[in-house]
Amino acid sequence: MRLLRSKATVTVCLVLAALAGCTGSDGDGAAEPTSTPAPTLSPTRTGPPSPSPTASPLDPVSIPGLVARDHRGTDLRTRTVLARTDAYTRYAVTYRANGLTISGIMNVPHGKGPFPALVLAHGYIDPAVYTSGRGLAREQDRLAREGYVVLHTDYRNHAGSDRDPDNDVDLRIRYTEDVIGAVLALRGSGRPEIDGDRIGLLGRSMGGGVVYNVLVVAPGLVDAAVVFAPVSSRPQENLERFGRGAGDPLVAETEAKHGSPEENPAFWRAASPVTYVDRVTEPLLIHHGTADVVCPPRWSKETAAAFEAAGKDVQLRTWPGEGHTFGPRWDDSMDVTLAFFARHLR
């Protein structure tokens, strides 16, 4: 177990990278509190210095503004039993992340445990039509059947979660806080079926970008991470493809508040997880189909190259003929994923 990790507290170096996520559905989904001390992420720096973008230290969307925060995840509650299968029980859950209540679902395998846990970060689905747990439905089932507690976060502004009206114009960076909060809530839950010392992340599309952010923000928080068909690790590319390319009025609002990439390159550099890839300490597996017309495969190639150049543990698996959501080779990709988690969540 890493020196920075414990069930009750986690002290890590914080560096936050922002995300401009997809604005079109990525089609990735089918359609008790305890007295355990709340885990937090403190802004203490213990690693090597990272690049220093010239962003205002008080800007809440900037790296310095988010570094100043103590990230918290608490109060994981099971609300309703949604289903009982032959392998696991599915619950509606809520937890607290930096003061907001976030909804989600949690699959808990049958048996004594404790089981390793995975936090799932779904891709973009319009919040107006999103329902709790809708993303990553295949993964939720498969991973629970393989013996993992699966916590699928809905994110803020989705389903039963609290609202954050500025999140979209702020590049949706605070979804990163929701995922960090989910990990901390699992670790501090005190539930005997959850092994808080063995936690991984899995994200798809926009959720893959959220995972990139978490790895940069919180080295030492989890053991390993997997992403499928992720967005770019440079948010200006996401803004261009999914915002400007689709005529989304949110682009004008975003650039009015933060400046365009040409007008304010320091902000956009500070919003990019790849700027701070030197901070990552966890192994990363990236899956991308060669026929993905939503998130270009070159994005994953460029991100993997940046990880490799920084000497990080990264694997890029390309899948010939697979599109954004994966089809015939999905089972194979999950076999690779499960072997990866089994190796690193020991």
Protein backbone atom coordinates (compact mmCIF):
# COMPACT_ATOMS: atom_id res chain seq x y z
CA MET A 1 0.00 0.00 0.00
CA ARG A 2 1.36 3.45 -0.86
CA LEU A 3 2.60 5.68 1.95
CA LEU A 4 0.09 8.37 0.96
CA ARG A 5 -2.90 6.04 1.37
CA SER A 6 -5.04 5.10 4.40
CA LYS A 7 -8.68 4.27 5.07
CA ALA A 8 -9.26 7.34 7.19
CA THR A 9 -7.13 10.03 5.59
CA VAL A 10 -5.36 10.65 2.34
CA THR A 11 -2.76 13.43 2.05
CA VAL A 12 -1.77 14.10 -1.50
CA CYS A 13 -0.39 16.79 -3.74
CA LEU A 14 -3.25 18.55 -5.49
CA VAL A 15 -3.05 19.74 -9.04
CA LEU A 16 -6.32 20.03 -10.94
CA ALA A 17 -6.73 19.79 -14.68
CA ALA A 18 -10.01 20.96 -16.18
CA LEU A 19 -12.23 19.18 -18.68
CA ALA A 20 -14.25 20.32 -21.65
CA GLY A 21 -16.35 17.24 -22.27
CA CYS A 22 -18.44 15.94 -25.12
CA THR A 23 -21.69 17.75 -25.80
CA GLY A 24 -23.30 14.92 -27.74
CA SER A 25 -24.39 11.63 -26.19
CA ASP A 26 -21.63 9.06 -26.30
CA GLY A 27 -24.13 6.22 -26.01
CA ASP A 28 -22.20 4.43 -23.25
CA GLY A 29 -25.20 3.43 -21.21
CA ALA A 30 -28.40 1.40 -21.69
CA ALA A 31 -30.16 3.89 -21.62
CA GLU A 32 -25.22 3.86 6.22
CA PRO A 33 -23.40 6.68 7.59
CA THR A 34 -20.74 5.77 10.16
CA SER A 35 -18.58 7.61 12.63
CA THR A 36 -15.42 6.94 10.61
CA PRO A 37 -13.40 10.16 10.23
CA ALA A 38 -14.00 11.80 6.85
CA PRO A 39 -11.16 11.24 4.38
CA THR A 40 -9.81 14.44 2.89
CA LEU A 41 -7.30 15.51 0.29
CA SER A 42 -5.01 18.16 1.68
CA PRO A 43 -3.16 20.64 -0.55
CA THR A 44 0.25 19.64 0.82
CA ARG A 45 2.86 19.30 -1.94
CA THR A 46 5.15 16.28 -1.58
CA GLY A 47 6.10 15.54 -5.19
CA PRO A 48 8.28 17.23 -7.77
CA PRO A 49 7.22 20.69 -8.94
CA SER A 50 4.86 20.89 -11.88
CA PRO A 51 4.75 23.51 -14.63
CA SER A 52 3.40 26.82 -13.35
CA PRO A 53 0.77 28.34 -15.63
CA THR A 54 0.14 32.03 -14.98
CA ALA A 55 -3.40 31.66 -13.69
CA SER A 56 -4.92 33.66 -10.85
CA PRO A 57 -4.41 31.89 -7.52
CA LEU A 58 -7.99 32.78 -6.57
CA ASP A 59 -9.66 31.61 -9.76
CA PRO A 60 -11.76 28.57 -8.75
CA VAL A 61 -11.35 27.14 -12.25
CA SER A 62 -7.58 27.45 -12.08
CA ILE A 63 -5.07 24.97 -10.74
CA PRO A 64 -4.04 27.25 -7.84
CA GLY A 65 -7.63 27.87 -6.75
CA LEU A 66 -8.40 24.15 -6.66
CA VAL A 67 -5.08 23.26 -5.05
CA ALA A 68 -6.14 25.45 -2.12
CA ARG A 69 -9.17 23.23 -1.42
CA ASP A 70 -9.40 20.30 0.95
CA HIS A 71 -11.38 17.76 -1.07
CA ARG A 72 -13.84 15.74 0.96
CA GLY A 73 -15.97 12.67 0.34
CA THR A 74 -18.26 11.44 3.09
CA ASP A 75 -21.60 9.97 4.13
CA LEU A 76 -22.05 7.10 1.65
CA ARG A 77 -25.67 5.96 2.14
CA THR A 78 -27.61 3.14 0.57
CA ARG A 79 -31.11 4.46 -0.11
CA THR A 80 -33.08 1.74 -1.93
CA VAL A 81 -32.52 -1.78 -3.18
CA LEU A 82 -33.02 -1.51 -6.94
CA ALA A 83 -32.40 -5.15 -7.85
CA ARG A 84 -31.07 -8.44 -6.55
CA THR A 85 -29.31 -10.62 -9.10
CA ASP A 86 -27.70 -14.01 -8.73
CA ALA A 87 -24.31 -12.27 -8.21
CA TYR A 88 -24.88 -8.89 -6.55
CA THR A 89 -27.35 -6.43 -5.02
CA ARG A 90 -27.89 -3.09 -6.75
CA TYR A 91 -28.52 -0.05 -4.56
CA ALA A 92 -29.46 3.57 -5.13
CA VAL A 93 -26.90 5.58 -3.16
CA THR A 94 -25.88 9.10 -2.27
CA TYR A 95 -22.67 10.54 -0.90
CA ARG A 96 -21.28 13.99 -0.14
CA ALA A 97 -18.53 15.54 -2.27
CA ASN A 98 -17.18 18.94 -1.22
CA GLY A 99 -20.50 19.93 0.31
CA LEU A 100 -22.82 18.66 -2.45
CA THR A 101 -24.98 15.55 -2.34
CA ILE A 102 -24.22 13.31 -5.32
CA SER A 103 -26.44 10.41 -6.36
CA GLY A 104 -25.44 7.16 -8.02
CA ILE A 105 -25.79 3.40 -7.93
CA MET A 106 -23.69 0.80 -6.17
CA ASN A 107 -23.46 -2.90 -6.98
CA VAL A 108 -22.28 -5.03 -4.07
CA PRO A 109 -21.30 -8.65 -4.79
CA HIS A 110 -22.82 -11.42 -2.71
CA GLY A 111 -20.46 -12.92 -0.17
CA LYS A 112 -18.46 -11.90 2.84
CA GLY A 113 -15.88 -9.57 1.31
CA PRO A 114 -14.22 -7.22 1.72
CA PHE A 115 -14.20 -6.65 -2.02
CA PRO A 116 -12.02 -4.25 -4.01
CA ALA A 117 -13.96 -1.28 -5.35
CA LEU A 118 -14.18 0.63 -8.63
CA VAL A 119 -15.57 4.11 -9.21
CA LEU A 120 -17.13 4.51 -12.67
CA ALA A 121 -17.22 7.87 -14.48
CA HIS A 122 -19.73 7.88 -17.33
CA GLY A 123 -19.59 9.74 -20.62
CA TYR A 124 -21.76 12.65 -21.65
CA ILE A 125 -25.51 12.05 -21.56
CA ASP A 126 -27.77 15.10 -21.62
CA PRO A 127 -28.72 15.74 -17.97
CA ALA A 128 -32.26 16.49 -19.13
CA VAL A 129 -32.75 12.84 -20.11
CA TYR A 130 -30.20 11.18 -17.83
CA THR A 131 -31.46 8.76 -15.17
CA SER A 132 -29.44 7.50 -12.24
CA GLY A 133 -26.84 4.90 -13.17
CA ARG A 134 -27.63 5.11 -16.86
CA GLY A 135 -24.05 5.14 -18.11
CA LEU A 136 -21.70 2.16 -18.36
CA ALA A 137 -24.49 -0.38 -17.82
CA ARG A 138 -22.53 -3.31 -19.29
CA GLU A 139 -19.47 -2.48 -17.22
CA GLN A 140 -21.48 -2.12 -14.01
CA ASP A 141 -22.84 -5.65 -14.38
CA ARG A 142 -19.65 -7.35 -15.58
CA LEU A 143 -17.41 -5.82 -12.92
CA ALA A 144 -19.76 -6.66 -10.07
CA ARG A 145 -20.00 -10.26 -11.29
CA GLU A 146 -16.20 -10.39 -11.17
CA GLY A 147 -16.19 -9.49 -7.48
CA TYR A 148 -15.86 -5.68 -7.41
CA VAL A 149 -18.01 -3.23 -5.50
CA VAL A 150 -19.03 -0.82 -8.26
CA LEU A 151 -19.93 2.79 -7.44
CA HIS A 152 -21.23 4.59 -10.54
CA THR A 153 -21.42 8.31 -9.86
CA ASP A 154 -24.13 10.38 -11.51
CA TYR A 155 -22.10 13.64 -11.13
CA ARG A 156 -23.56 16.94 -9.99
CA ASN A 157 -26.48 18.32 -12.06
CA HIS A 158 -27.58 14.74 -12.88
CA ALA A 159 -30.46 12.64 -11.52
CA GLY A 160 -30.79 13.18 -7.74
CA SER A 161 -27.55 15.14 -7.31
CA ASP A 162 -27.35 18.72 -6.15
CA ARG A 163 -27.08 21.47 -8.73
CA ASP A 164 -24.00 23.50 -9.69
CA PRO A 165 -25.18 26.08 -12.23
CA ASP A 166 -21.69 27.26 -13.24
CA ASN A 167 -20.20 23.82 -13.92
CA ASP A 168 -20.85 23.72 -17.67
CA VAL A 169 -19.34 27.12 -18.41
CA ASP A 170 -16.40 26.14 -16.17
CA LEU A 171 -15.48 23.23 -18.47
CA ARG A 172 -17.26 20.70 -16.24
CA ILE A 173 -14.10 20.47 -14.16
CA ARG A 174 -16.02 19.87 -10.95
CA TYR A 175 -17.07 16.41 -12.09
CA THR A 176 -13.49 15.67 -11.03
CA GLU A 177 -14.41 16.63 -7.47
CA ASP A 178 -17.39 14.26 -7.62
CA VAL A 179 -15.15 11.32 -8.55
CA ILE A 180 -12.57 12.16 -5.89
CA GLY A 181 -15.43 12.42 -3.42
CA ALA A 182 -16.73 9.01 -4.46
CA VAL A 183 -13.35 7.38 -3.75
CA LEU A 184 -13.05 9.09 -0.37
CA ALA A 185 -16.64 8.20 0.54
CA LEU A 186 -15.97 4.54 -0.24
CA ARG A 187 -12.76 4.57 1.76
CA GLY A 188 -14.35 6.21 4.77
CA SER A 189 -17.66 4.36 4.69
CA GLY A 190 -16.75 1.78 7.31
CA ARG A 191 -18.72 -0.82 5.39
CA PRO A 192 -17.23 -4.31 5.89
CA GLU A 193 -17.88 -5.36 2.29
CA ILE A 194 -15.63 -2.57 0.90
CA ASP A 195 -11.85 -2.85 0.90
CA GLY A 196 -10.86 0.80 1.05
CA ASP A 197 -7.23 -0.02 0.35
CA ARG A 198 -8.02 -1.42 -3.12
CA ILE A 199 -9.83 1.11 -5.31
CA GLY A 200 -9.60 1.79 -9.04
CA LEU A 201 -11.19 4.10 -11.59
CA LEU A 202 -12.88 3.41 -14.92
CA GLY A 203 -14.18 6.11 -17.25
CA ARG A 204 -15.61 6.32 -20.74
CA SER A 205 -15.47 9.23 -23.20
CA MET A 206 -16.01 12.41 -21.14
CA GLY A 207 -15.55 10.23 -18.06
CA GLY A 208 -12.15 9.25 -19.40
CA GLY A 209 -11.19 12.92 -19.30
CA VAL A 210 -12.46 13.10 -15.72
CA VAL A 211 -10.21 10.13 -14.86
CA TYR A 212 -7.21 11.91 -16.40
CA ASN A 213 -7.97 14.86 -14.13
CA VAL A 214 -8.23 12.72 -10.99
CA LEU A 215 -4.90 11.03 -11.68
CA VAL A 216 -3.27 14.45 -11.91
CA VAL A 217 -5.11 16.03 -8.99
CA ALA A 218 -4.68 13.17 -6.55
CA PRO A 219 -1.64 10.96 -7.08
CA GLY A 220 -1.85 8.11 -4.59
CA LEU A 221 -5.64 8.25 -4.28
CA VAL A 222 -6.33 5.03 -6.22
CA ASP A 223 -4.37 1.99 -7.37
CA ALA A 224 -5.00 2.01 -11.13
CA ALA A 225 -7.22 3.50 -13.83
CA VAL A 226 -8.76 2.42 -17.13
CA VAL A 227 -10.34 4.65 -19.77
CA PHE A 228 -12.35 3.76 -22.87
CA ALA A 229 -12.55 6.06 -25.92
CA PRO A 230 -11.55 9.12 -23.90
CA VAL A 231 -11.86 12.75 -24.88
CA SER A 232 -8.75 14.80 -25.47
CA SER A 233 -6.47 15.62 -22.56
CA ARG A 234 -6.40 19.16 -23.98
CA PRO A 235 -9.78 20.81 -23.28
CA GLN A 236 -9.44 23.32 -26.09
CA GLU A 237 -9.63 20.40 -28.54
CA ASN A 238 -12.84 19.19 -26.90
CA LEU A 239 -14.29 22.70 -27.02
CA GLU A 240 -13.48 22.95 -30.70
CA ARG A 241 -14.86 19.55 -31.70
CA PHE A 242 -17.92 19.20 -29.49
CA GLY A 243 -18.73 22.84 -28.90
CA ARG A 244 -17.78 25.08 -31.79
CA GLY A 245 -18.11 22.25 -34.29
CA ALA A 246 -21.68 21.61 -33.13
CA GLY A 247 -22.66 25.29 -32.89
CA ASP A 248 -23.12 25.06 -29.13
CA PRO A 249 -23.89 28.49 -27.56
CA LEU A 250 -21.99 27.35 -24.46
CA VAL A 251 -18.76 28.06 -26.36
CA ALA A 252 -19.47 31.79 -26.42
CA GLU A 253 -20.33 31.79 -22.71
CA THR A 254 -17.18 29.86 -21.86
CA GLU A 255 -14.92 32.14 -23.88
CA ALA A 256 -16.64 35.26 -22.55
CA LYS A 257 -15.80 34.12 -19.02
CA HIS A 258 -12.37 32.56 -19.52
CA GLY A 259 -11.14 33.85 -22.87
CA SER A 260 -10.54 31.82 -26.00
CA PRO A 261 -7.47 29.57 -26.31
CA GLU A 262 -5.90 32.28 -28.48
CA GLU A 263 -6.77 35.12 -26.09
CA ASN A 264 -5.87 33.36 -22.84
CA PRO A 265 -3.53 30.44 -23.54
CA ALA A 266 -2.35 30.34 -19.91
CA PHE A 267 -5.86 29.49 -18.71
CA TRP A 268 -6.26 26.68 -21.24
CA ARG A 269 -2.83 25.29 -20.49
CA ALA A 270 -3.72 25.31 -16.79
CA ALA A 271 -6.96 23.50 -17.66
CA SER A 272 -5.18 20.62 -19.38
CA PRO A 273 -4.32 17.43 -17.45
CA VAL A 274 -1.52 16.63 -19.88
CA THR A 275 0.28 19.77 -18.68
CA TYR A 276 0.73 18.07 -15.30
CA VAL A 277 1.29 14.47 -16.37
CA ASP A 278 4.54 14.43 -14.38
CA ARG A 279 2.41 14.18 -11.22
CA VAL A 280 0.73 10.87 -12.10
CA THR A 281 1.79 7.85 -10.02
CA GLU A 282 -0.81 5.21 -10.98
CA PRO A 283 -0.78 2.80 -13.93
CA LEU A 284 -3.18 3.73 -16.72
CA LEU A 285 -4.75 1.56 -19.43
CA ILE A 286 -6.31 3.34 -22.43
CA HIS A 287 -8.67 1.54 -24.83
CA HIS A 288 -9.56 3.14 -28.17
CA GLY A 289 -11.23 1.79 -31.28
CA THR A 290 -9.65 2.63 -34.61
CA ALA A 291 -13.08 3.40 -36.12
CA ASP A 292 -14.12 5.88 -33.40
CA VAL A 293 -15.64 8.90 -35.17
CA VAL A 294 -16.64 10.67 -31.93
CA CYS A 295 -13.30 10.91 -30.12
CA PRO A 296 -10.44 10.60 -32.63
CA PRO A 297 -7.98 7.80 -31.81
CA ARG A 298 -5.09 10.24 -32.25
CA TRP A 299 -6.15 11.90 -28.98
CA SER A 300 -5.34 8.74 -27.06
CA LYS A 301 -2.11 8.24 -28.99
CA GLU A 302 -0.99 11.77 -28.11
CA THR A 303 -1.96 11.38 -24.44
CA ALA A 304 -0.22 8.02 -24.17
CA ALA A 305 2.88 9.52 -25.78
CA ALA A 306 2.90 12.32 -23.19
CA PHE A 307 2.64 9.76 -20.36
CA GLU A 308 5.46 7.73 -21.88
CA ALA A 309 7.66 10.79 -22.32
CA ALA A 310 7.17 11.53 -18.61
CA GLY A 311 8.19 7.98 -17.73
CA LYS A 312 4.72 6.92 -16.57
CA ASP A 313 3.15 3.45 -16.59
CA VAL A 314 0.70 3.67 -19.49
CA GLN A 315 -0.66 1.13 -21.96
CA LEU A 316 -2.61 2.03 -25.09
CA ARG A 317 -4.69 -0.79 -26.59
CA THR A 318 -6.15 0.00 -30.00
CA TRP A 319 -9.01 -2.15 -31.26
CA PRO A 320 -9.27 -2.46 -35.07
CA GLY A 321 -12.73 -1.66 -36.41
CA GLU A 322 -14.26 -0.76 -33.05
CA GLY A 323 -16.27 2.44 -32.78
CA HIS A 324 -16.88 4.77 -29.85
CA THR A 325 -19.05 2.42 -27.80
CA PHE A 326 -17.31 -0.87 -28.72
CA GLY A 327 -19.25 -3.82 -30.10
CA PRO A 328 -17.88 -7.26 -31.08
CA ARG A 329 -14.63 -6.79 -29.13
CA TRP A 330 -16.16 -5.35 -25.96
CA ASP A 331 -15.89 -8.66 -24.08
CA ASP A 332 -12.24 -8.96 -25.10
CA SER A 333 -11.55 -5.40 -23.97
CA MET A 334 -13.14 -6.17 -20.61
CA ASP A 335 -11.00 -9.30 -20.24
CA VAL A 336 -7.94 -7.08 -20.68
CA THR A 337 -9.39 -4.57 -18.21
CA LEU A 338 -10.09 -7.22 -15.58
CA ALA A 339 -6.58 -8.66 -15.90
CA PHE A 340 -5.18 -5.12 -15.48
CA PHE A 341 -7.20 -4.45 -12.33
CA ALA A 342 -6.40 -7.90 -10.90
CA ARG A 343 -2.70 -7.13 -11.32
CA HIS A 344 -2.80 -3.70 -9.69
CA LEU A 345 -5.56 -4.01 -7.05
CA ARG A 346 -3.87 -6.80 -5.13
